[in-house]
Amino acid sequence: TQAAPTLIATTAAATTRPAMTHTIVRGGLKYARHTQEYIARRTAE
């Protein structure tokens, strides 16, 4: 928290460390339009 306060703010919604990126990505899969567009493009590829 002292060394990287913005990191803590960025990951505040995530759960445990191993699941952090997974949680963020899964949230993006559901709610972020740009993530859904990326998935559609990569799936088409």
All heavy atoms as atom14 arrays in JSON, in Angstrom:
{
  "sequence": "TQAAPTLIATTAAATTRPAMTHTIVRGGLKYARHTQEYIARRTAE",
  "atom14_mask": [
    [1, 1, 1, 1, 1, 1, 1, 0, 0, 0, 0, 0, 0, 0],
    [1, 1, 1, 1, 1, 1, 1, 1, 1, 0, 0, 0, 0, 0],
    [1, 1, 1, 1, 1, 0, 0, 0, 0, 0, 0, 0, 0, 0],
    [1, 1, 1, 1, 1, 0, 0, 0, 0, 0, 0, 0, 0, 0],
    [1, 1, 1, 1, 1, 1, 1, 0, 0, 0, 0, 0, 0, 0],
    [1, 1, 1, 1, 1, 1, 1, 0, 0, 0, 0, 0, 0, 0],
    [1, 1, 1, 1, 1, 1, 1, 1, 0, 0, 0, 0, 0, 0],
    [1, 1, 1, 1, 1, 1, 1, 1, 0, 0, 0, 0, 0, 0],
    [1, 1, 1, 1, 1, 0, 0, 0, 0, 0, 0, 0, 0, 0],
    [1, 1, 1, 1, 1, 1, 1, 0, 0, 0, 0, 0, 0, 0],
    [1, 1, 1, 1, 1, 1, 1, 0, 0, 0, 0, 0, 0, 0],
    [1, 1, 1, 1, 1, 0, 0, 0, 0, 0, 0, 0, 0, 0],
    [1, 1, 1, 1, 1, 0, 0, 0, 0, 0, 0, 0, 0, 0],
    [1, 1, 1, 1, 1, 0, 0, 0, 0, 0, 0, 0, 0, 0],
    [1, 1, 1, 1, 1, 1, 1, 0, 0, 0, 0, 0, 0, 0],
    [1, 1, 1, 1, 1, 1, 1, 0, 0, 0, 0, 0, 0, 0],
    [1, 1, 1, 1, 1, 1, 1, 1, 1, 1, 1, 0, 0, 0],
    [1, 1, 1, 1, 1, 1, 1, 0, 0, 0, 0, 0, 0, 0],
    [1, 1, 1, 1, 1, 0, 0, 0, 0, 0, 0, 0, 0, 0],
    [1, 1, 1, 1, 1, 1, 1, 1, 0, 0, 0, 0, 0, 0],
    [1, 1, 1, 1, 1, 1, 1, 0, 0, 0, 0, 0, 0, 0],
    [1, 1, 1, 1, 1, 1, 1, 1, 1, 1, 0, 0, 0, 0],
    [1, 1, 1, 1, 1, 1, 1, 0, 0, 0, 0, 0, 0, 0],
    [1, 1, 1, 1, 1, 1, 1, 1, 0, 0, 0, 0, 0, 0],
    [1, 1, 1, 1, 1, 1, 1, 0, 0, 0, 0, 0, 0, 0],
    [1, 1, 1, 1, 1, 1, 1, 1, 1, 1, 1, 0, 0, 0],
    [1, 1, 1, 1, 0, 0, 0, 0, 0, 0, 0, 0, 0, 0],
    [1, 1, 1, 1, 0, 0, 0, 0, 0, 0, 0, 0, 0, 0],
    [1, 1, 1, 1, 1, 1, 1, 1, 0, 0, 0, 0, 0, 0],
    [1, 1, 1, 1, 1, 1, 1, 1, 1, 0, 0, 0, 0, 0],
    [1, 1, 1, 1, 1, 1, 1, 1, 1, 1, 1, 1, 0, 0],
    [1, 1, 1, 1, 1, 0, 0, 0, 0, 0, 0, 0, 0, 0],
    [1, 1, 1, 1, 1, 1, 1, 1, 1, 1, 1, 0, 0, 0],
    [1, 1, 1, 1, 1, 1, 1, 1, 1, 1, 0, 0, 0, 0],
    [1, 1, 1, 1, 1, 1, 1, 0, 0, 0, 0, 0, 0, 0],
    [1, 1, 1, 1, 1, 1, 1, 1, 1, 0, 0, 0, 0, 0],
    [1, 1, 1, 1, 1, 1, 1, 1, 1, 0, 0, 0, 0, 0],
    [1, 1, 1, 1, 1, 1, 1, 1, 1, 1, 1, 1, 0, 0],
    [1, 1, 1, 1, 1, 1, 1, 1, 0, 0, 0, 0, 0, 0],
    [1, 1, 1, 1, 1, 0, 0, 0, 0, 0, 0, 0, 0, 0],
    [1, 1, 1, 1, 1, 1, 1, 1, 1, 1, 1, 0, 0, 0],
    [1, 1, 1, 1, 1, 1, 1, 1, 1, 1, 1, 0, 0, 0],
    [1, 1, 1, 1, 1, 1, 1, 0, 0, 0, 0, 0, 0, 0],
    [1, 1, 1, 1, 1, 0, 0, 0, 0, 0, 0, 0, 0, 0],
    [1, 1, 1, 1, 1, 1, 1, 1, 1, 0, 0, 0, 0, 0]
  ],
  "atom14_positions": [
    [[0.83, -1.2, 0.0], [0.0, 0.0, 0.0], [0.87, 1.25, 0.0], [0.58, 2.22, -0.71], [-0.93, 0.01, 1.24], [-1.72, -1.18, 1.2], [-1.82, 1.23, 1.24], [0.0, 0.0, 0.0], [0.0, 0.0, 0.0], [0.0, 0.0, 0.0], [0.0, 0.0, 0.0], [0.0, 0.0, 0.0], [0.0, 0.0, 0.0], [0.0, 0.0, 0.0]],
    [[1.95, 1.23, 0.75], [2.85, 2.38, 0.81], [3.62, 2.53, -0.51], [3.76, 3.64, -1.02], [3.83, 2.19, 1.96], [4.86, 3.3, 2.08], [5.89, 2.99, 3.16], [5.8, 1.96, 3.83], [6.85, 3.86, 3.32], [0.0, 0.0, 0.0], [0.0, 0.0, 0.0], [0.0, 0.0, 0.0], [0.0, 0.0, 0.0], [0.0, 0.0, 0.0]],
    [[4.08, 1.44, -1.07], [4.92, 1.5, -2.26], [4.12, 1.74, -3.54], [4.61, 2.38, -4.46], [5.73, 0.21, -2.4], [0.0, 0.0, 0.0], [0.0, 0.0, 0.0], [0.0, 0.0, 0.0], [0.0, 0.0, 0.0], [0.0, 0.0, 0.0], [0.0, 0.0, 0.0], [0.0, 0.0, 0.0], [0.0, 0.0, 0.0], [0.0, 0.0, 0.0]],
    [[2.9, 1.21, -3.62], [2.13, 1.3, -4.86], [0.64, 1.49, -4.57], [-0.16, 0.6, -4.81], [2.36, 0.04, -5.69], [0.0, 0.0, 0.0], [0.0, 0.0, 0.0], [0.0, 0.0, 0.0], [0.0, 0.0, 0.0], [0.0, 0.0, 0.0], [0.0, 0.0, 0.0], [0.0, 0.0, 0.0], [0.0, 0.0, 0.0], [0.0, 0.0, 0.0]],
    [[0.24, 2.66, -4.08], [-1.17, 2.87, -3.74], [-2.1, 2.75, -4.94], [-3.23, 2.29, -4.81], [-1.2, 4.27, -3.13], [0.08, 4.91, -3.52], [1.06, 3.81, -3.78], [0.0, 0.0, 0.0], [0.0, 0.0, 0.0], [0.0, 0.0, 0.0], [0.0, 0.0, 0.0], [0.0, 0.0, 0.0], [0.0, 0.0, 0.0], [0.0, 0.0, 0.0]],
    [[-1.64, 3.13, -6.14], [-2.52, 3.03, -7.31], [-2.74, 1.58, -7.69], [-3.78, 1.23, -8.24], [-1.95, 3.79, -8.52], [-0.65, 3.29, -8.82], [-1.9, 5.27, -8.26], [0.0, 0.0, 0.0], [0.0, 0.0, 0.0], [0.0, 0.0, 0.0], [0.0, 0.0, 0.0], [0.0, 0.0, 0.0], [0.0, 0.0, 0.0], [0.0, 0.0, 0.0]],
    [[-1.78, 0.71, -7.39], [-1.97, -0.71, -7.65], [-3.1, -1.26, -6.8], [-3.95, -1.99, -7.28], [-0.69, -1.48, -7.37], [-0.79, -3.0, -7.48], [-1.09, -3.42, -8.9], [0.48, -3.64, -6.98], [0.0, 0.0, 0.0], [0.0, 0.0, 0.0], [0.0, 0.0, 0.0], [0.0, 0.0, 0.0], [0.0, 0.0, 0.0], [0.0, 0.0, 0.0]],
    [[-3.13, -0.86, -5.54], [-4.18, -1.32, -4.63], [-5.54, -0.84, -5.14], [-6.5, -1.59, -5.15], [-3.93, -0.82, -3.19], [-2.58, -1.33, -2.67], [-5.06, -1.22, -2.26], [-2.44, -2.84, -2.69], [0.0, 0.0, 0.0], [0.0, 0.0, 0.0], [0.0, 0.0, 0.0], [0.0, 0.0, 0.0], [0.0, 0.0, 0.0], [0.0, 0.0, 0.0]],
    [[-5.61, 0.4, -5.58], [-6.87, 0.93, -6.1], [-7.3, 0.18, -7.36], [-8.48, -0.1, -7.56], [-6.73, 2.41, -6.4], [0.0, 0.0, 0.0], [0.0, 0.0, 0.0], [0.0, 0.0, 0.0], [0.0, 0.0, 0.0], [0.0, 0.0, 0.0], [0.0, 0.0, 0.0], [0.0, 0.0, 0.0], [0.0, 0.0, 0.0], [0.0, 0.0, 0.0]],
    [[-6.35, -0.18, -8.2], [-6.65, -0.89, -9.44], [-7.21, -2.27, -9.18], [-8.1, -2.74, -9.87], [-5.37, -1.03, -10.3], [-4.86, 0.27, -10.55], [-5.66, -1.7, -11.62], [0.0, 0.0, 0.0], [0.0, 0.0, 0.0], [0.0, 0.0, 0.0], [0.0, 0.0, 0.0], [0.0, 0.0, 0.0], [0.0, 0.0, 0.0], [0.0, 0.0, 0.0]],
    [[-6.7, -2.93, -8.16], [-7.09, -4.32, -7.91], [-8.08, -4.46, -6.76], [-8.33, -5.57, -6.32], [-5.83, -5.16, -7.6], [-5.19, -4.62, -6.46], [-4.89, -5.19, -8.78], [0.0, 0.0, 0.0], [0.0, 0.0, 0.0], [0.0, 0.0, 0.0], [0.0, 0.0, 0.0], [0.0, 0.0, 0.0], [0.0, 0.0, 0.0], [0.0, 0.0, 0.0]],
    [[-8.65, -3.37, -6.31], [-9.53, -3.43, -5.14], [-10.73, -4.34, -5.36], [-11.19, -5.0, -4.43], [-10.01, -2.03, -4.78], [0.0, 0.0, 0.0], [0.0, 0.0, 0.0], [0.0, 0.0, 0.0], [0.0, 0.0, 0.0], [0.0, 0.0, 0.0], [0.0, 0.0, 0.0], [0.0, 0.0, 0.0], [0.0, 0.0, 0.0], [0.0, 0.0, 0.0]],
    [[-11.21, -4.44, -6.59], [-12.39, -5.27, -6.85], [-12.04, -6.74, -7.03], [-12.92, -7.59, -7.02], [-13.09, -4.77, -8.11], [0.0, 0.0, 0.0], [0.0, 0.0, 0.0], [0.0, 0.0, 0.0], [0.0, 0.0, 0.0], [0.0, 0.0, 0.0], [0.0, 0.0, 0.0], [0.0, 0.0, 0.0], [0.0, 0.0, 0.0], [0.0, 0.0, 0.0]],
    [[-10.78, -7.04, -7.18], [-10.37, -8.43, -7.4], [-10.33, -9.18, -6.07], [-10.31, -8.6, -5.01], [-9.01, -8.46, -8.07], [0.0, 0.0, 0.0], [0.0, 0.0, 0.0], [0.0, 0.0, 0.0], [0.0, 0.0, 0.0], [0.0, 0.0, 0.0], [0.0, 0.0, 0.0], [0.0, 0.0, 0.0], [0.0, 0.0, 0.0], [0.0, 0.0, 0.0]],
    [[-10.27, -10.49, -6.16], [-10.24, -11.33, -4.95], [-8.8, -11.69, -4.61], [-7.94, -10.84, -4.63], [-11.12, -12.59, -5.16], [-10.63, -13.27, -6.32], [-12.57, -12.22, -5.4], [0.0, 0.0, 0.0], [0.0, 0.0, 0.0], [0.0, 0.0, 0.0], [0.0, 0.0, 0.0], [0.0, 0.0, 0.0], [0.0, 0.0, 0.0], [0.0, 0.0, 0.0]],
    [[-8.51, -12.92, -4.34], [-7.16, -13.32, -3.93], [-6.18, -13.15, -5.08], [-6.56, -13.1, -6.24], [-7.13, -14.78, -3.47], [-7.55, -15.6, -4.55], [-8.03, -14.99, -2.27], [0.0, 0.0, 0.0], [0.0, 0.0, 0.0], [0.0, 0.0, 0.0], [0.0, 0.0, 0.0], [0.0, 0.0, 0.0], [0.0, 0.0, 0.0], [0.0, 0.0, 0.0]],
    [[-4.91, -13.1, -4.77], [-3.88, -12.85, -5.79], [-3.94, -13.82, -6.96], [-3.89, -13.38, -8.1], [-2.5, -12.87, -5.16], [-2.24, -11.64, -4.35], [-1.0, -11.82, -3.55], [-1.27, -12.91, -2.63], [-0.39, -13.49, -1.85], [0.82, -13.09, -1.86], [-0.71, -14.46, -1.05], [0.0, 0.0, 0.0], [0.0, 0.0, 0.0], [0.0, 0.0, 0.0]],
    [[-4.02, -15.12, -6.74], [-4.05, -16.01, -7.9], [-5.26, -15.79, -8.8], [-5.2, -16.02, -9.99], [-4.09, -17.41, -7.29], [-3.56, -17.25, -5.93], [-3.94, -15.86, -5.49], [0.0, 0.0, 0.0], [0.0, 0.0, 0.0], [0.0, 0.0, 0.0], [0.0, 0.0, 0.0], [0.0, 0.0, 0.0], [0.0, 0.0, 0.0], [0.0, 0.0, 0.0]],
    [[-6.35, -15.33, -8.22], [-7.57, -15.15, -8.99], [-7.75, -13.72, -9.5], [-8.73, -13.43, -10.17], [-8.77, -15.54, -8.14], [0.0, 0.0, 0.0], [0.0, 0.0, 0.0], [0.0, 0.0, 0.0], [0.0, 0.0, 0.0], [0.0, 0.0, 0.0], [0.0, 0.0, 0.0], [0.0, 0.0, 0.0], [0.0, 0.0, 0.0], [0.0, 0.0, 0.0]],
    [[-6.83, -12.84, -9.15], [-6.99, -11.43, -9.47], [-7.18, -11.19, -10.97], [-8.19, -10.61, -11.38], [-5.78, -10.64, -8.97], [-5.85, -9.17, -9.25], [-4.45, -8.29, -8.55], [-3.1, -9.02, -9.41], [0.0, 0.0, 0.0], [0.0, 0.0, 0.0], [0.0, 0.0, 0.0], [0.0, 0.0, 0.0], [0.0, 0.0, 0.0], [0.0, 0.0, 0.0]],
    [[-6.24, -11.61, -11.8], [-6.37, -11.35, -13.23], [-7.57, -12.1, -13.8], [-8.26, -11.59, -14.68], [-5.09, -11.72, -14.0], [-4.77, -13.07, -13.75], [-3.94, -10.81, -13.63], [0.0, 0.0, 0.0], [0.0, 0.0, 0.0], [0.0, 0.0, 0.0], [0.0, 0.0, 0.0], [0.0, 0.0, 0.0], [0.0, 0.0, 0.0], [0.0, 0.0, 0.0]],
    [[-7.81, -13.3, -13.29], [-8.96, -14.06, -13.77], [-10.26, -13.31, -13.5], [-11.12, -13.21, -14.38], [-8.98, -15.44, -13.09], [-10.12, -16.3, -13.52], [-10.12, -16.97, -14.71], [-11.3, -16.58, -12.93], [-11.26, -17.63, -14.83], [-11.98, -17.41, -13.76], [0.0, 0.0, 0.0], [0.0, 0.0, 0.0], [0.0, 0.0, 0.0], [0.0, 0.0, 0.0]],
    [[-10.4, -12.76, -12.31], [-11.6, -12.02, -11.95], [-11.78, -10.78, -12.83], [-12.87, -10.5, -13.32], [-11.54, -11.59, -10.47], [-11.39, -12.76, -9.67], [-12.78, -10.83, -10.06], [0.0, 0.0, 0.0], [0.0, 0.0, 0.0], [0.0, 0.0, 0.0], [0.0, 0.0, 0.0], [0.0, 0.0, 0.0], [0.0, 0.0, 0.0], [0.0, 0.0, 0.0]],
    [[-10.7, -10.07, -13.05], [-10.76, -8.86, -13.87], [-11.15, -9.22, -15.3], [-12.01, -8.58, -15.91], [-9.42, -8.11, -13.83], [-9.18, -7.55, -12.43], [-9.39, -6.98, -14.86], [-7.78, -7.02, -12.2], [0.0, 0.0, 0.0], [0.0, 0.0, 0.0], [0.0, 0.0, 0.0], [0.0, 0.0, 0.0], [0.0, 0.0, 0.0], [0.0, 0.0, 0.0]],
    [[-10.53, -10.27, -15.85], [-10.83, -10.67, -17.23], [-12.26, -11.16, -17.35], [-12.97, -10.79, -18.29], [-9.82, -11.75, -17.71], [-10.29, -12.41, -19.0], [-8.46, -11.13, -17.92], [0.0, 0.0, 0.0], [0.0, 0.0, 0.0], [0.0, 0.0, 0.0], [0.0, 0.0, 0.0], [0.0, 0.0, 0.0], [0.0, 0.0, 0.0], [0.0, 0.0, 0.0]],
    [[-12.7, -11.98, -16.42], [-14.08, -12.48, -16.5], [-15.09, -11.34, -16.4], [-16.13, -11.38, -17.06], [-14.34, -13.53, -15.41], [-13.66, -14.84, -15.7], [-14.21, -15.45, -16.97], [-13.4, -16.6, -17.35], [-13.53, -17.25, -18.48], [-14.41, -16.87, -19.36], [-12.77, -18.26, -18.75], [0.0, 0.0, 0.0], [0.0, 0.0, 0.0], [0.0, 0.0, 0.0]],
    [[-14.8, -10.34, -15.6], [-15.67, -9.17, -15.55], [-15.7, -8.45, -16.89], [-16.76, -8.01, -17.36], [0.0, 0.0, 0.0], [0.0, 0.0, 0.0], [0.0, 0.0, 0.0], [0.0, 0.0, 0.0], [0.0, 0.0, 0.0], [0.0, 0.0, 0.0], [0.0, 0.0, 0.0], [0.0, 0.0, 0.0], [0.0, 0.0, 0.0], [0.0, 0.0, 0.0]],
    [[-14.55, -8.35, -17.52], [-14.47, -7.72, -18.84], [-15.23, -8.5, -19.9], [-15.83, -7.93, -20.8], [0.0, 0.0, 0.0], [0.0, 0.0, 0.0], [0.0, 0.0, 0.0], [0.0, 0.0, 0.0], [0.0, 0.0, 0.0], [0.0, 0.0, 0.0], [0.0, 0.0, 0.0], [0.0, 0.0, 0.0], [0.0, 0.0, 0.0], [0.0, 0.0, 0.0]],
    [[-15.2, -9.83, -19.78], [-15.92, -10.67, -20.74], [-17.41, -10.37, -20.7], [-18.09, -10.39, -21.73], [-15.69, -12.15, -20.44], [-14.28, -12.69, -20.61], [-14.2, -14.14, -20.14], [-13.81, -12.58, -22.04], [0.0, 0.0, 0.0], [0.0, 0.0, 0.0], [0.0, 0.0, 0.0], [0.0, 0.0, 0.0], [0.0, 0.0, 0.0], [0.0, 0.0, 0.0]],
    [[-17.9, -10.08, -19.51], [-19.34, -9.83, -19.36], [-19.74, -8.4, -19.69], [-20.77, -8.16, -20.3], [-19.77, -10.12, -17.92], [-20.07, -11.53, -17.62], [-20.64, -11.62, -16.21], [-21.07, -13.01, -15.9], [-21.58, -13.16, -14.55], [0.0, 0.0, 0.0], [0.0, 0.0, 0.0], [0.0, 0.0, 0.0], [0.0, 0.0, 0.0], [0.0, 0.0, 0.0]],
    [[-18.93, -7.44, -19.24], [-19.4, -6.06, -19.22], [-18.66, -5.08, -20.12], [-19.21, -4.03, -20.45], [-19.36, -5.52, -17.78], [-20.16, -6.38, -16.83], [-19.53, -7.16, -15.88], [-21.55, -6.42, -16.9], [-20.25, -7.95, -15.0], [-22.29, -7.21, -16.04], [-21.63, -7.97, -15.09], [-22.37, -8.76, -14.24], [0.0, 0.0, 0.0], [0.0, 0.0, 0.0]],
    [[-17.44, -5.36, -20.51], [-16.66, -4.38, -21.27], [-16.82, -4.61, -22.77], [-16.47, -5.67, -23.3], [-15.19, -4.46, -20.88], [0.0, 0.0, 0.0], [0.0, 0.0, 0.0], [0.0, 0.0, 0.0], [0.0, 0.0, 0.0], [0.0, 0.0, 0.0], [0.0, 0.0, 0.0], [0.0, 0.0, 0.0], [0.0, 0.0, 0.0], [0.0, 0.0, 0.0]],
    [[-17.35, -3.59, -23.44], [-17.6, -3.7, -24.88], [-16.32, -3.94, -25.65], [-16.25, -4.79, -26.54], [-18.31, -2.44, -25.39], [-18.69, -2.5, -26.86], [-19.35, -1.21, -27.35], [-18.67, 0.01, -26.93], [-17.55, 0.48, -27.5], [-17.0, -0.15, -28.48], [-17.0, 1.6, -27.06], [0.0, 0.0, 0.0], [0.0, 0.0, 0.0], [0.0, 0.0, 0.0]],
    [[-15.24, -3.2, -25.32], [-13.99, -3.36, -26.06], [-13.4, -4.76, -25.87], [-12.81, -5.31, -26.79], [-12.98, -2.27, -25.67], [-12.55, -2.32, -24.24], [-13.31, -1.77, -23.24], [-11.47, -2.86, -23.66], [-12.7, -1.96, -22.08], [-11.57, -2.62, -22.3], [0.0, 0.0, 0.0], [0.0, 0.0, 0.0], [0.0, 0.0, 0.0], [0.0, 0.0, 0.0]],
    [[-13.62, -5.37, -24.7], [-13.15, -6.74, -24.47], [-13.96, -7.72, -25.32], [-13.41, -8.63, -25.93], [-13.25, -7.11, -22.98], [-12.5, -6.17, -22.22], [-12.73, -8.52, -22.72], [0.0, 0.0, 0.0], [0.0, 0.0, 0.0], [0.0, 0.0, 0.0], [0.0, 0.0, 0.0], [0.0, 0.0, 0.0], [0.0, 0.0, 0.0], [0.0, 0.0, 0.0]],
    [[-15.25, -7.51, -25.38], [-16.1, -8.38, -26.18], [-15.76, -8.27, -27.67], [-15.75, -9.27, -28.39], [-17.57, -8.03, -25.94], [-18.01, -8.38, -24.53], [-19.34, -7.75, -24.15], [-19.9, -6.95, -24.89], [-19.86, -8.13, -23.0], [0.0, 0.0, 0.0], [0.0, 0.0, 0.0], [0.0, 0.0, 0.0], [0.0, 0.0, 0.0], [0.0, 0.0, 0.0]],
    [[-15.43, -7.06, -28.12], [-15.02, -6.87, -29.51], [-13.7, -7.58, -29.79], [-13.52, -8.19, -30.84], [-14.91, -5.39, -29.84], [-16.24, -4.67, -29.87], [-16.11, -3.16, -29.93], [-14.96, -2.64, -29.89], [-17.15, -2.49, -30.01], [0.0, 0.0, 0.0], [0.0, 0.0, 0.0], [0.0, 0.0, 0.0], [0.0, 0.0, 0.0], [0.0, 0.0, 0.0]],
    [[-12.77, -7.5, -28.83], [-11.49, -8.18, -28.96], [-11.7, -9.69, -29.08], [-11.11, -10.35, -29.93], [-10.6, -7.85, -27.75], [-9.3, -8.61, -27.72], [-8.22, -8.19, -28.48], [-9.16, -9.76, -26.95], [-7.02, -8.89, -28.47], [-7.96, -10.46, -26.92], [-6.9, -10.02, -27.68], [-5.72, -10.72, -27.67], [0.0, 0.0, 0.0], [0.0, 0.0, 0.0]],
    [[-12.56, -10.23, -28.23], [-12.84, -11.67, -28.25], [-13.45, -12.07, -29.58], [-13.06, -13.09, -30.18], [-13.77, -12.06, -27.08], [-13.02, -11.9, -25.76], [-14.28, -13.48, -27.23], [-13.9, -11.98, -24.55], [0.0, 0.0, 0.0], [0.0, 0.0, 0.0], [0.0, 0.0, 0.0], [0.0, 0.0, 0.0], [0.0, 0.0, 0.0], [0.0, 0.0, 0.0]],
    [[-14.4, -11.28, -30.08], [-15.03, -11.59, -31.36], [-13.99, -11.59, -32.49], [-13.98, -12.47, -33.35], [-16.15, -10.59, -31.65], [0.0, 0.0, 0.0], [0.0, 0.0, 0.0], [0.0, 0.0, 0.0], [0.0, 0.0, 0.0], [0.0, 0.0, 0.0], [0.0, 0.0, 0.0], [0.0, 0.0, 0.0], [0.0, 0.0, 0.0], [0.0, 0.0, 0.0]],
    [[-13.1, -10.6, -32.47], [-12.07, -10.5, -33.51], [-11.13, -11.69, -33.45], [-10.83, -12.32, -34.47], [-11.31, -9.19, -33.36], [-10.34, -8.93, -34.52], [-9.64, -7.6, -34.41], [-8.58, -7.66, -33.41], [-8.53, -6.97, -32.29], [-9.51, -6.13, -31.98], [-7.53, -7.09, -31.44], [0.0, 0.0, 0.0], [0.0, 0.0, 0.0], [0.0, 0.0, 0.0]],
    [[-10.67, -12.02, -32.24], [-9.72, -13.13, -32.1], [-10.38, -14.49, -32.41], [-9.74, -15.38, -32.96], [-9.12, -13.14, -30.7], [-8.32, -11.9, -30.35], [-7.18, -11.69, -31.3], [-6.12, -12.61, -30.96], [-4.83, -12.41, -31.12], [-4.42, -11.28, -31.65], [-3.97, -13.31, -30.8], [0.0, 0.0, 0.0], [0.0, 0.0, 0.0], [0.0, 0.0, 0.0]],
    [[-11.66, -14.63, -32.07], [-12.38, -15.86, -32.38], [-12.51, -16.01, -33.89], [-12.33, -17.1, -34.43], [-13.77, -15.86, -31.72], [-13.61, -15.72, -30.3], [-14.52, -17.14, -32.0], [0.0, 0.0, 0.0], [0.0, 0.0, 0.0], [0.0, 0.0, 0.0], [0.0, 0.0, 0.0], [0.0, 0.0, 0.0], [0.0, 0.0, 0.0], [0.0, 0.0, 0.0]],
    [[-12.8, -14.9, -34.58], [-12.89, -14.92, -36.04], [-11.56, -15.29, -36.68], [-11.52, -15.88, -37.76], [-13.37, -13.56, -36.56], [0.0, 0.0, 0.0], [0.0, 0.0, 0.0], [0.0, 0.0, 0.0], [0.0, 0.0, 0.0], [0.0, 0.0, 0.0], [0.0, 0.0, 0.0], [0.0, 0.0, 0.0], [0.0, 0.0, 0.0], [0.0, 0.0, 0.0]],
    [[-10.47, -14.97, -36.0], [-9.14, -15.33, -36.5], [-8.8, -16.79, -36.22], [-7.76, -17.28, -36.63], [-8.07, -14.44, -35.83], [-8.16, -12.99, -36.22], [-7.24, -12.1, -35.39], [-6.54, -12.62, -34.48], [-7.24, -10.89, -35.63], [0.0, 0.0, 0.0], [0.0, 0.0, 0.0], [0.0, 0.0, 0.0], [0.0, 0.0, 0.0], [0.0, 0.0, 0.0]]
  ]
}
